[in-house]
Amino acid sequence: MSDSYSIEMEILGLSNTPGSSGAYALILTEKGGTRRLPIIIGAFEAQAIALELENIKPPRPMTHDLIKHILLSFESYVDSVHIHELSEGTFFARIRFERNGDMVEIDSRPSDAIAVAIRFNASIFVSEEILQEAGIETDHENDEGKVLAEKVDEAAKESVQESTKNPLDVLNKELQTAIDTENYEKAARIRDQIQKLKG
């Protein structure tokens, strides 16, 4: 089930992003079309997506595997994810899942939404407005790699510029990454730095 303004996408691949330490570009491609959409995501989410794409099962369930198991235990499943908004360089998404015969939507980061979606073989949709604003046309196969590389580099630089506007923003992002990767010792150090800045 998709909204009338949404375009179905597929995962083309993941790429390191030059100039953005620890970040990756998730490249979505228009199903049956020529448009591509790069989204800058964190290393933890990139790993979660890559492991599932390669059908590699870690010894312990990752966060997105846990979400899948919880939903299945309640006899629910993810129907689709929708990347519906782009504001100041940040993408916003919703996960749409079935519960007791009804479709329910919850807000999510696109990286998490996609990491969950691929575990259910669910469809990925992007709004037409976002594709017009941030997507790229790849009419010529020979130019595709170059165009994508330039777009990914540009998106990565924008991501870095946004994160370095305020030291607190940088530390908060690092704190979230530390928590996501269960590096609690590092998270405690970053939390102390945040408290000093705020104090």
Protein backbone atom coordinates (compact mmCIF):
# COMPACT_ATOMS: atom_id res chain seq x y z
CA MET A 1 0.00 0.00 0.00
CA SER A 2 1.61 3.28 -1.09
CA ASP A 3 0.58 6.92 -1.09
CA SER A 4 -0.26 8.46 -4.45
CA TYR A 5 2.70 10.84 -4.23
CA SER A 6 5.25 8.16 -3.35
CA ILE A 7 7.67 6.38 -5.67
CA GLU A 8 8.82 2.83 -4.93
CA MET A 9 12.59 2.54 -4.48
CA GLU A 10 15.16 -0.24 -4.20
CA ILE A 11 18.53 -0.32 -2.46
CA LEU A 12 21.33 0.16 -4.97
CA GLY A 13 24.15 -0.08 -2.45
CA LEU A 14 26.22 1.47 0.32
CA SER A 15 29.28 3.63 -0.09
CA ASN A 16 31.86 5.31 2.14
CA THR A 17 31.50 9.08 2.10
CA PRO A 18 34.68 11.12 1.62
CA GLY A 19 35.07 13.98 4.08
CA SER A 20 32.60 12.51 6.60
CA SER A 21 34.27 10.26 9.15
CA GLY A 22 32.23 7.21 10.07
CA ALA A 23 29.37 8.05 7.71
CA TYR A 24 28.07 6.09 4.75
CA ALA A 25 25.84 6.87 1.80
CA LEU A 26 22.84 4.62 1.27
CA ILE A 27 21.89 4.84 -2.41
CA LEU A 28 18.26 4.20 -3.31
CA THR A 29 17.22 3.76 -6.94
CA GLU A 30 13.81 4.29 -8.48
CA LYS A 31 12.16 0.96 -9.27
CA GLY A 32 11.88 0.79 -13.03
CA GLY A 33 13.23 4.33 -13.33
CA THR A 34 16.44 6.31 -13.62
CA ARG A 35 16.46 8.45 -10.49
CA ARG A 36 18.74 7.83 -7.52
CA LEU A 37 18.60 9.17 -3.96
CA PRO A 38 21.68 9.22 -1.66
CA ILE A 39 21.04 9.33 2.09
CA ILE A 40 23.87 9.84 4.58
CA ILE A 41 23.60 7.36 7.47
CA GLY A 42 25.71 6.31 10.45
CA ALA A 43 28.11 3.38 10.60
CA PHE A 44 25.89 1.33 12.94
CA GLU A 45 22.86 1.57 10.63
CA ALA A 46 25.03 0.92 7.56
CA GLN A 47 26.31 -2.26 9.22
CA ALA A 48 22.77 -3.37 10.06
CA ILE A 49 21.68 -2.88 6.45
CA ALA A 50 24.80 -4.47 4.95
CA LEU A 51 24.60 -7.59 7.13
CA GLU A 52 21.01 -8.22 6.10
CA LEU A 53 21.70 -7.54 2.41
CA GLU A 54 24.56 -10.04 2.53
CA ASN A 55 22.43 -12.49 4.55
CA ILE A 56 25.01 -12.55 7.36
CA LYS A 57 23.60 -13.44 10.76
CA PRO A 58 25.52 -12.05 13.77
CA PRO A 59 25.90 -14.33 16.82
CA ARG A 60 23.56 -12.09 18.82
CA PRO A 61 20.50 -10.25 17.43
CA MET A 62 21.11 -6.63 16.46
CA THR A 63 18.63 -3.92 17.40
CA HIS A 64 16.74 -4.19 14.10
CA ASP A 65 16.58 -7.99 14.40
CA LEU A 66 15.12 -7.53 17.87
CA ILE A 67 12.46 -5.17 16.47
CA LYS A 68 11.55 -7.79 13.88
CA HIS A 69 11.28 -10.54 16.50
CA ILE A 70 9.12 -8.37 18.76
CA LEU A 71 6.73 -7.50 15.92
CA LEU A 72 6.48 -11.12 14.81
CA SER A 73 5.83 -12.25 18.39
CA PHE A 74 2.74 -10.00 18.31
CA GLU A 75 1.79 -11.38 14.89
CA SER A 76 2.54 -8.06 13.21
CA TYR A 77 4.64 -7.35 10.13
CA VAL A 78 6.13 -4.32 8.40
CA ASP A 79 4.26 -3.51 5.22
CA SER A 80 6.37 -0.60 3.94
CA VAL A 81 8.45 2.42 4.86
CA HIS A 82 7.87 5.94 3.55
CA ILE A 83 10.50 8.67 3.38
CA HIS A 84 8.09 11.57 3.32
CA GLU A 85 9.93 14.75 4.31
CA LEU A 86 13.24 16.55 3.80
CA SER A 87 13.94 19.52 6.07
CA GLU A 88 17.29 21.34 6.36
CA GLY A 89 19.15 18.33 4.98
CA THR A 90 17.44 15.82 7.29
CA PHE A 91 15.18 13.06 5.94
CA PHE A 92 12.11 11.91 7.88
CA ALA A 93 10.43 8.53 7.51
CA ARG A 94 7.54 6.43 8.75
CA ILE A 95 7.33 2.68 9.25
CA ARG A 96 3.94 1.27 8.30
CA PHE A 97 3.02 -2.03 9.93
CA GLU A 98 -0.01 -4.23 10.43
CA ARG A 99 -1.55 -4.61 13.91
CA ASN A 100 -4.76 -6.52 14.52
CA GLY A 101 -5.78 -6.06 10.91
CA ASP A 102 -5.13 -2.30 10.92
CA MET A 103 -2.25 -0.37 9.38
CA VAL A 104 -0.30 1.72 11.89
CA GLU A 105 2.44 4.28 11.17
CA ILE A 106 5.29 5.31 13.48
CA ASP A 107 7.99 7.94 12.92
CA SER A 108 11.53 6.75 12.30
CA ARG A 109 14.89 7.77 10.93
CA PRO A 110 15.15 6.53 7.32
CA SER A 111 18.21 4.42 8.15
CA ASP A 112 16.37 2.55 10.92
CA ALA A 113 13.21 2.26 8.84
CA ILE A 114 15.10 0.72 5.93
CA ALA A 115 17.12 -1.59 8.20
CA VAL A 116 13.82 -2.94 9.55
CA ALA A 117 12.09 -3.00 6.15
CA ILE A 118 14.66 -5.24 4.50
CA ARG A 119 14.20 -7.76 7.33
CA PHE A 120 10.55 -8.04 6.29
CA ASN A 121 11.13 -7.71 2.53
CA ALA A 122 8.93 -4.62 2.80
CA SER A 123 8.62 -1.95 0.12
CA ILE A 124 10.47 1.38 0.36
CA PHE A 125 8.77 4.55 -0.88
CA VAL A 126 10.04 8.10 -1.30
CA SER A 127 7.84 11.12 -1.92
CA GLU A 128 7.94 12.66 -5.39
CA GLU A 129 8.81 16.04 -3.86
CA ILE A 130 11.94 14.63 -2.21
CA LEU A 131 13.06 12.95 -5.42
CA GLN A 132 12.62 16.22 -7.28
CA GLU A 133 14.60 18.12 -4.63
CA ALA A 134 17.38 15.67 -3.71
CA GLY A 135 17.26 12.93 -6.34
CA ILE A 136 19.54 12.68 -9.36
CA GLU A 137 18.84 11.54 -12.89
CA THR A 138 21.16 8.91 -14.36
CA ASP A 139 20.19 8.77 -18.00
CA HIS A 140 23.63 7.76 -19.23
CA GLU A 141 25.06 4.58 -17.76
CA ASN A 142 28.65 5.73 -18.31
CA ASP A 143 28.09 8.89 -16.28
CA GLU A 144 26.21 7.21 -13.45
CA GLY A 145 29.20 6.43 -11.24
CA LYS A 146 30.65 9.93 -11.57
CA VAL A 147 27.32 11.66 -10.92
CA LEU A 148 26.59 9.50 -7.89
CA ALA A 149 30.06 10.08 -6.46
CA GLU A 150 29.68 13.85 -6.83
CA LYS A 151 26.21 13.79 -5.25
CA VAL A 152 27.35 11.60 -2.36
CA ASP A 153 30.34 13.86 -1.73
CA GLU A 154 28.09 16.92 -1.75
CA ALA A 155 25.60 15.33 0.65
CA ALA A 156 28.41 14.26 2.97
CA LYS A 157 29.87 17.76 3.07
CA GLU A 158 26.44 19.21 3.84
CA SER A 159 26.04 16.66 6.62
CA VAL A 160 29.40 17.64 8.12
CA GLN A 161 28.59 21.35 7.86
CA GLU A 162 25.29 20.83 9.66
CA SER A 163 26.89 18.81 12.45
CA THR A 164 29.69 21.31 13.06
CA LYS A 165 27.48 24.36 13.48
CA ASN A 166 27.28 23.81 17.22
CA PRO A 167 29.70 21.79 19.43
CA LEU A 168 26.76 20.46 21.41
CA ASP A 169 25.19 19.09 18.24
CA VAL A 170 28.42 17.25 17.41
CA LEU A 171 28.70 15.78 20.90
CA ASN A 172 25.04 14.75 20.96
CA LYS A 173 25.46 12.90 17.66
CA GLU A 174 28.61 11.20 18.95
CA LEU A 175 26.75 10.26 22.14
CA GLN A 176 23.92 8.67 20.14
CA THR A 177 26.41 6.69 18.03
CA ALA A 178 28.19 5.48 21.18
CA ILE A 179 24.88 4.37 22.67
CA ASP A 180 23.76 2.69 19.44
CA THR A 181 27.03 0.73 19.27
CA GLU A 182 26.81 -0.09 23.01
CA ASN A 183 30.08 1.71 23.74
CA TYR A 184 28.87 2.90 27.13
CA GLU A 185 32.30 3.91 28.45
CA LYS A 186 32.67 6.35 25.57
CA ALA A 187 29.07 7.48 26.01
CA ALA A 188 29.78 8.35 29.67
CA ARG A 189 32.81 10.45 28.67
CA ILE A 190 30.80 12.30 26.02
CA ARG A 191 27.96 12.87 28.49
CA ASP A 192 30.46 14.49 30.89
CA GLN A 193 31.70 16.76 28.08
CA ILE A 194 28.13 17.78 27.28
CA GLN A 195 27.45 18.61 30.93
CA LYS A 196 30.61 20.75 31.09
CA LEU A 197 29.56 22.71 27.99
CA LYS A 198 26.07 23.22 29.35
CA GLY A 199 27.44 24.17 32.78
